[in-house]
Amino acid sequence: MFLTGIIAACGVLFLLLKFGLNKILKHDILIDIGATFFLIWIFAGTFSGMMAGLVAGAIISVFLFVAKKISPPPPKPVKPKRNYRFWQRARR
């Protein structure tokens, strides 16, 4: 039960990390809820299957929480300098 949950969580985390950590962490709550419900639904049928899905969801949740706390915030984009005198063309 626990081994199945750990293997399923590692598989889902490896697939998520292919998208890039910053993209995942922007939507961490939705990914956490979706992955947990998906894994519980996939392993539904027996009690040990439901527990394997729940363990995998818990592992994914802990990973996303720790990754969000550890990763630095993304850099702010640089604003372009505005040309308020656009009617005055530079003469060559």
N, C-alpha and C. Protein backbone atom coordinates (compact mmCIF):
# COMPACT_ATOMS: atom_id res chain seq x y z
N MET A 1 0.83 -1.18 0.00
CA MET A 1 0.00 0.00 0.00
C MET A 1 0.88 1.26 0.00
N PHE A 2 1.82 1.33 0.93
CA PHE A 2 2.67 2.52 0.99
C PHE A 2 3.65 2.55 -0.18
N LEU A 3 4.15 1.39 -0.55
CA LEU A 3 5.08 1.34 -1.68
C LEU A 3 4.40 1.75 -2.98
N THR A 4 3.16 1.31 -3.16
CA THR A 4 2.40 1.69 -4.35
C THR A 4 2.15 3.20 -4.37
N GLY A 5 1.82 3.76 -3.22
CA GLY A 5 1.61 5.21 -3.13
C GLY A 5 2.87 5.99 -3.42
N ILE A 6 4.00 5.52 -2.91
CA ILE A 6 5.28 6.21 -3.13
C ILE A 6 5.66 6.16 -4.61
N ILE A 7 5.48 5.00 -5.23
CA ILE A 7 5.82 4.86 -6.66
C ILE A 7 4.89 5.72 -7.51
N ALA A 8 3.61 5.74 -7.19
CA ALA A 8 2.66 6.56 -7.95
C ALA A 8 2.98 8.05 -7.78
N ALA A 9 3.33 8.47 -6.57
CA ALA A 9 3.68 9.87 -6.34
C ALA A 9 4.94 10.26 -7.09
N CYS A 10 5.94 9.38 -7.09
CA CYS A 10 7.17 9.68 -7.84
C CYS A 10 6.88 9.80 -9.33
N GLY A 11 6.04 8.93 -9.85
CA GLY A 11 5.69 9.01 -11.27
C GLY A 11 4.99 10.30 -11.62
N VAL A 12 4.02 10.70 -10.81
CA VAL A 12 3.30 11.95 -11.08
C VAL A 12 4.23 13.15 -10.91
N LEU A 13 5.09 13.13 -9.91
CA LEU A 13 6.01 14.26 -9.71
C LEU A 13 7.01 14.38 -10.85
N PHE A 14 7.50 13.26 -11.35
CA PHE A 14 8.42 13.33 -12.49
C PHE A 14 7.73 13.89 -13.72
N LEU A 15 6.48 13.52 -13.94
CA LEU A 15 5.74 14.08 -15.07
C LEU A 15 5.49 15.57 -14.89
N LEU A 16 5.17 15.99 -13.67
CA LEU A 16 4.93 17.41 -13.41
C LEU A 16 6.20 18.24 -13.57
N LEU A 17 7.34 17.69 -13.16
CA LEU A 17 8.58 18.44 -13.24
C LEU A 17 9.05 18.66 -14.68
N LYS A 18 8.51 17.88 -15.61
CA LYS A 18 8.84 18.11 -17.02
C LYS A 18 8.27 19.43 -17.52
N PHE A 19 7.20 19.90 -16.89
CA PHE A 19 6.62 21.18 -17.29
C PHE A 19 7.43 22.36 -16.77
N GLY A 20 8.26 22.16 -15.80
CA GLY A 20 9.04 23.23 -15.19
C GLY A 20 8.46 23.59 -13.83
N LEU A 21 9.33 23.79 -12.87
CA LEU A 21 8.89 23.99 -11.50
C LEU A 21 8.13 25.31 -11.32
N ASN A 22 8.54 26.36 -12.01
CA ASN A 22 7.85 27.64 -11.84
C ASN A 22 6.43 27.60 -12.36
N LYS A 23 6.20 26.91 -13.47
CA LYS A 23 4.84 26.78 -14.00
C LYS A 23 3.96 25.98 -13.06
N ILE A 24 4.53 24.96 -12.46
CA ILE A 24 3.75 24.10 -11.54
C ILE A 24 3.41 24.88 -10.28
N LEU A 25 4.35 25.63 -9.75
CA LEU A 25 4.13 26.31 -8.48
C LEU A 25 3.15 27.48 -8.60
N LYS A 26 2.90 27.96 -9.81
CA LYS A 26 1.89 29.01 -9.97
C LYS A 26 0.49 28.47 -9.67
N HIS A 27 0.28 27.20 -9.96
CA HIS A 27 -1.04 26.58 -9.79
C HIS A 27 -0.95 25.38 -8.86
N ASP A 28 -0.21 25.51 -7.77
CA ASP A 28 0.07 24.35 -6.92
C ASP A 28 -1.17 23.79 -6.24
N ILE A 29 -2.10 24.62 -5.85
CA ILE A 29 -3.29 24.12 -5.15
C ILE A 29 -4.16 23.31 -6.10
N LEU A 30 -4.38 23.82 -7.30
CA LEU A 30 -5.19 23.07 -8.27
C LEU A 30 -4.53 21.76 -8.65
N ILE A 31 -3.22 21.77 -8.83
CA ILE A 31 -2.51 20.54 -9.17
C ILE A 31 -2.57 19.55 -8.02
N ASP A 32 -2.45 20.03 -6.80
CA ASP A 32 -2.51 19.18 -5.63
C ASP A 32 -3.87 18.49 -5.51
N ILE A 33 -4.92 19.26 -5.61
CA ILE A 33 -6.27 18.69 -5.49
C ILE A 33 -6.56 17.75 -6.66
N GLY A 34 -6.21 18.17 -7.86
CA GLY A 34 -6.46 17.34 -9.03
C GLY A 34 -5.70 16.02 -9.00
N ALA A 35 -4.42 16.08 -8.62
CA ALA A 35 -3.62 14.85 -8.57
C ALA A 35 -4.13 13.90 -7.49
N THR A 36 -4.51 14.45 -6.34
CA THR A 36 -5.01 13.60 -5.26
C THR A 36 -6.31 12.91 -5.67
N PHE A 37 -7.25 13.66 -6.23
CA PHE A 37 -8.51 13.05 -6.66
C PHE A 37 -8.29 12.05 -7.79
N PHE A 38 -7.38 12.38 -8.71
CA PHE A 38 -7.09 11.46 -9.81
C PHE A 38 -6.50 10.15 -9.30
N LEU A 39 -5.55 10.23 -8.37
CA LEU A 39 -4.92 9.02 -7.87
C LEU A 39 -5.89 8.18 -7.04
N ILE A 40 -6.75 8.83 -6.27
CA ILE A 40 -7.75 8.08 -5.51
C ILE A 40 -8.73 7.40 -6.47
N TRP A 41 -9.09 8.09 -7.54
CA TRP A 41 -10.02 7.52 -8.52
C TRP A 41 -9.39 6.35 -9.26
N ILE A 42 -8.10 6.48 -9.62
CA ILE A 42 -7.40 5.40 -10.33
C ILE A 42 -7.29 4.15 -9.47
N PHE A 43 -6.98 4.31 -8.19
CA PHE A 43 -6.78 3.17 -7.30
C PHE A 43 -8.06 2.74 -6.58
N ALA A 44 -9.20 3.30 -6.96
CA ALA A 44 -10.46 2.95 -6.27
C ALA A 44 -10.81 1.49 -6.54
N GLY A 45 -11.52 0.92 -5.60
CA GLY A 45 -11.95 -0.47 -5.75
C GLY A 45 -11.68 -1.27 -4.50
N THR A 46 -10.55 -1.02 -3.89
CA THR A 46 -10.22 -1.68 -2.63
C THR A 46 -9.76 -0.63 -1.63
N PHE A 47 -9.79 -1.03 -0.38
CA PHE A 47 -9.35 -0.10 0.66
C PHE A 47 -7.87 0.21 0.52
N SER A 48 -7.06 -0.80 0.21
CA SER A 48 -5.62 -0.54 0.08
C SER A 48 -5.33 0.33 -1.14
N GLY A 49 -6.14 0.20 -2.19
CA GLY A 49 -5.96 1.07 -3.34
C GLY A 49 -6.28 2.51 -3.02
N MET A 50 -7.36 2.71 -2.27
CA MET A 50 -7.71 4.08 -1.87
C MET A 50 -6.62 4.67 -0.98
N MET A 51 -6.08 3.87 -0.09
CA MET A 51 -5.01 4.36 0.79
C MET A 51 -3.74 4.65 -0.01
N ALA A 52 -3.46 3.85 -1.04
CA ALA A 52 -2.29 4.12 -1.89
C ALA A 52 -2.46 5.46 -2.60
N GLY A 53 -3.66 5.73 -3.11
CA GLY A 53 -3.92 7.02 -3.74
C GLY A 53 -3.82 8.17 -2.77
N LEU A 54 -4.30 7.95 -1.55
CA LEU A 54 -4.22 8.99 -0.53
C LEU A 54 -2.78 9.26 -0.10
N VAL A 55 -1.98 8.21 0.03
CA VAL A 55 -0.56 8.38 0.38
C VAL A 55 0.17 9.12 -0.74
N ALA A 56 -0.13 8.76 -1.99
CA ALA A 56 0.51 9.44 -3.12
C ALA A 56 0.10 10.91 -3.16
N GLY A 57 -1.16 11.19 -2.90
CA GLY A 57 -1.62 12.58 -2.85
C GLY A 57 -0.95 13.37 -1.74
N ALA A 58 -0.76 12.73 -0.59
CA ALA A 58 -0.10 13.40 0.52
C ALA A 58 1.36 13.70 0.20
N ILE A 59 2.03 12.78 -0.47
CA ILE A 59 3.43 12.99 -0.84
C ILE A 59 3.54 14.15 -1.84
N ILE A 60 2.64 14.19 -2.82
CA ILE A 60 2.64 15.28 -3.79
C ILE A 60 2.36 16.61 -3.10
N SER A 61 1.43 16.61 -2.15
CA SER A 61 1.09 17.82 -1.42
C SER A 61 2.29 18.34 -0.63
N VAL A 62 2.98 17.46 0.06
CA VAL A 62 4.16 17.86 0.84
C VAL A 62 5.25 18.39 -0.09
N PHE A 63 5.46 17.71 -1.22
CA PHE A 63 6.49 18.16 -2.16
C PHE A 63 6.18 19.56 -2.69
N LEU A 64 4.93 19.80 -3.09
CA LEU A 64 4.58 21.12 -3.62
C LEU A 64 4.68 22.20 -2.55
N PHE A 65 4.32 21.88 -1.31
CA PHE A 65 4.42 22.85 -0.23
C PHE A 65 5.88 23.23 0.03
N VAL A 66 6.74 22.24 0.12
CA VAL A 66 8.16 22.50 0.38
C VAL A 66 8.79 23.24 -0.80
N ALA A 67 8.44 22.84 -2.02
CA ALA A 67 9.02 23.50 -3.19
C ALA A 67 8.58 24.96 -3.27
N LYS A 68 7.35 25.25 -2.88
CA LYS A 68 6.87 26.63 -2.92
C LYS A 68 7.60 27.48 -1.86
N LYS A 69 7.88 26.90 -0.70
CA LYS A 69 8.57 27.64 0.36
C LYS A 69 10.05 27.85 0.04
N ILE A 70 10.67 26.90 -0.63
CA ILE A 70 12.10 26.96 -0.89
C ILE A 70 12.42 27.81 -2.12
N SER A 71 11.62 27.70 -3.17
CA SER A 71 11.96 28.35 -4.44
C SER A 71 11.86 29.88 -4.31
N PRO A 72 12.78 30.59 -4.96
CA PRO A 72 12.73 32.06 -4.90
C PRO A 72 11.57 32.57 -5.75
N PRO A 73 11.07 33.76 -5.43
CA PRO A 73 9.99 34.31 -6.25
C PRO A 73 10.49 34.64 -7.65
N PRO A 74 9.63 34.54 -8.64
CA PRO A 74 10.08 34.84 -10.01
C PRO A 74 10.42 36.32 -10.15
N PRO A 75 11.38 36.65 -11.01
CA PRO A 75 11.77 38.06 -11.18
C PRO A 75 10.64 38.85 -11.83
N LYS A 76 10.53 40.11 -11.43
CA LYS A 76 9.52 40.97 -12.02
C LYS A 76 9.97 41.41 -13.41
N PRO A 77 9.04 41.47 -14.36
CA PRO A 77 9.44 41.90 -15.71
C PRO A 77 9.80 43.39 -15.73
N VAL A 78 10.74 43.73 -16.57
CA VAL A 78 11.19 45.11 -16.69
C VAL A 78 10.19 45.87 -17.55
N LYS A 79 9.73 47.01 -17.05
CA LYS A 79 8.80 47.82 -17.82
C LYS A 79 9.55 48.58 -18.90
N PRO A 80 8.98 48.62 -20.10
CA PRO A 80 9.66 49.39 -21.16
C PRO A 80 9.56 50.89 -20.89
N LYS A 81 10.60 51.59 -21.30
CA LYS A 81 10.61 53.03 -21.11
C LYS A 81 9.65 53.67 -22.10
N ARG A 82 8.78 54.52 -21.62
CA ARG A 82 7.77 55.13 -22.48
C ARG A 82 8.33 56.40 -23.13
N ASN A 83 7.93 56.59 -24.35
CA ASN A 83 8.32 57.78 -25.10
C ASN A 83 7.11 58.69 -25.16
N TYR A 84 7.06 59.67 -24.27
CA TYR A 84 5.91 60.56 -24.22
C TYR A 84 5.94 61.62 -25.33
N ARG A 85 7.08 61.78 -25.94
CA ARG A 85 7.20 62.76 -27.03
C ARG A 85 7.30 62.01 -28.36
N PHE A 86 6.32 61.17 -28.61
CA PHE A 86 6.38 60.34 -29.81
C PHE A 86 6.20 61.15 -31.08
N TRP A 87 5.64 62.36 -30.97
CA TRP A 87 5.43 63.18 -32.16
C TRP A 87 6.73 63.83 -32.62
N GLN A 88 7.72 63.89 -31.72
CA GLN A 88 9.00 64.47 -32.10
C GLN A 88 9.93 63.34 -32.53
N ARG A 89 10.08 63.20 -33.81
CA ARG A 89 10.94 62.15 -34.33
C ARG A 89 12.39 62.53 -34.20
N ALA A 90 13.20 61.55 -33.96
CA ALA A 90 14.63 61.81 -33.89
C ALA A 90 15.12 62.09 -35.31
N ARG A 91 15.88 63.17 -35.47
CA ARG A 91 16.40 63.54 -36.79
C ARG A 91 17.72 62.85 -36.99
N ARG A 92 17.87 62.38 -38.19
CA ARG A 92 19.12 61.66 -38.51
C ARG A 92 20.09 62.50 -39.24
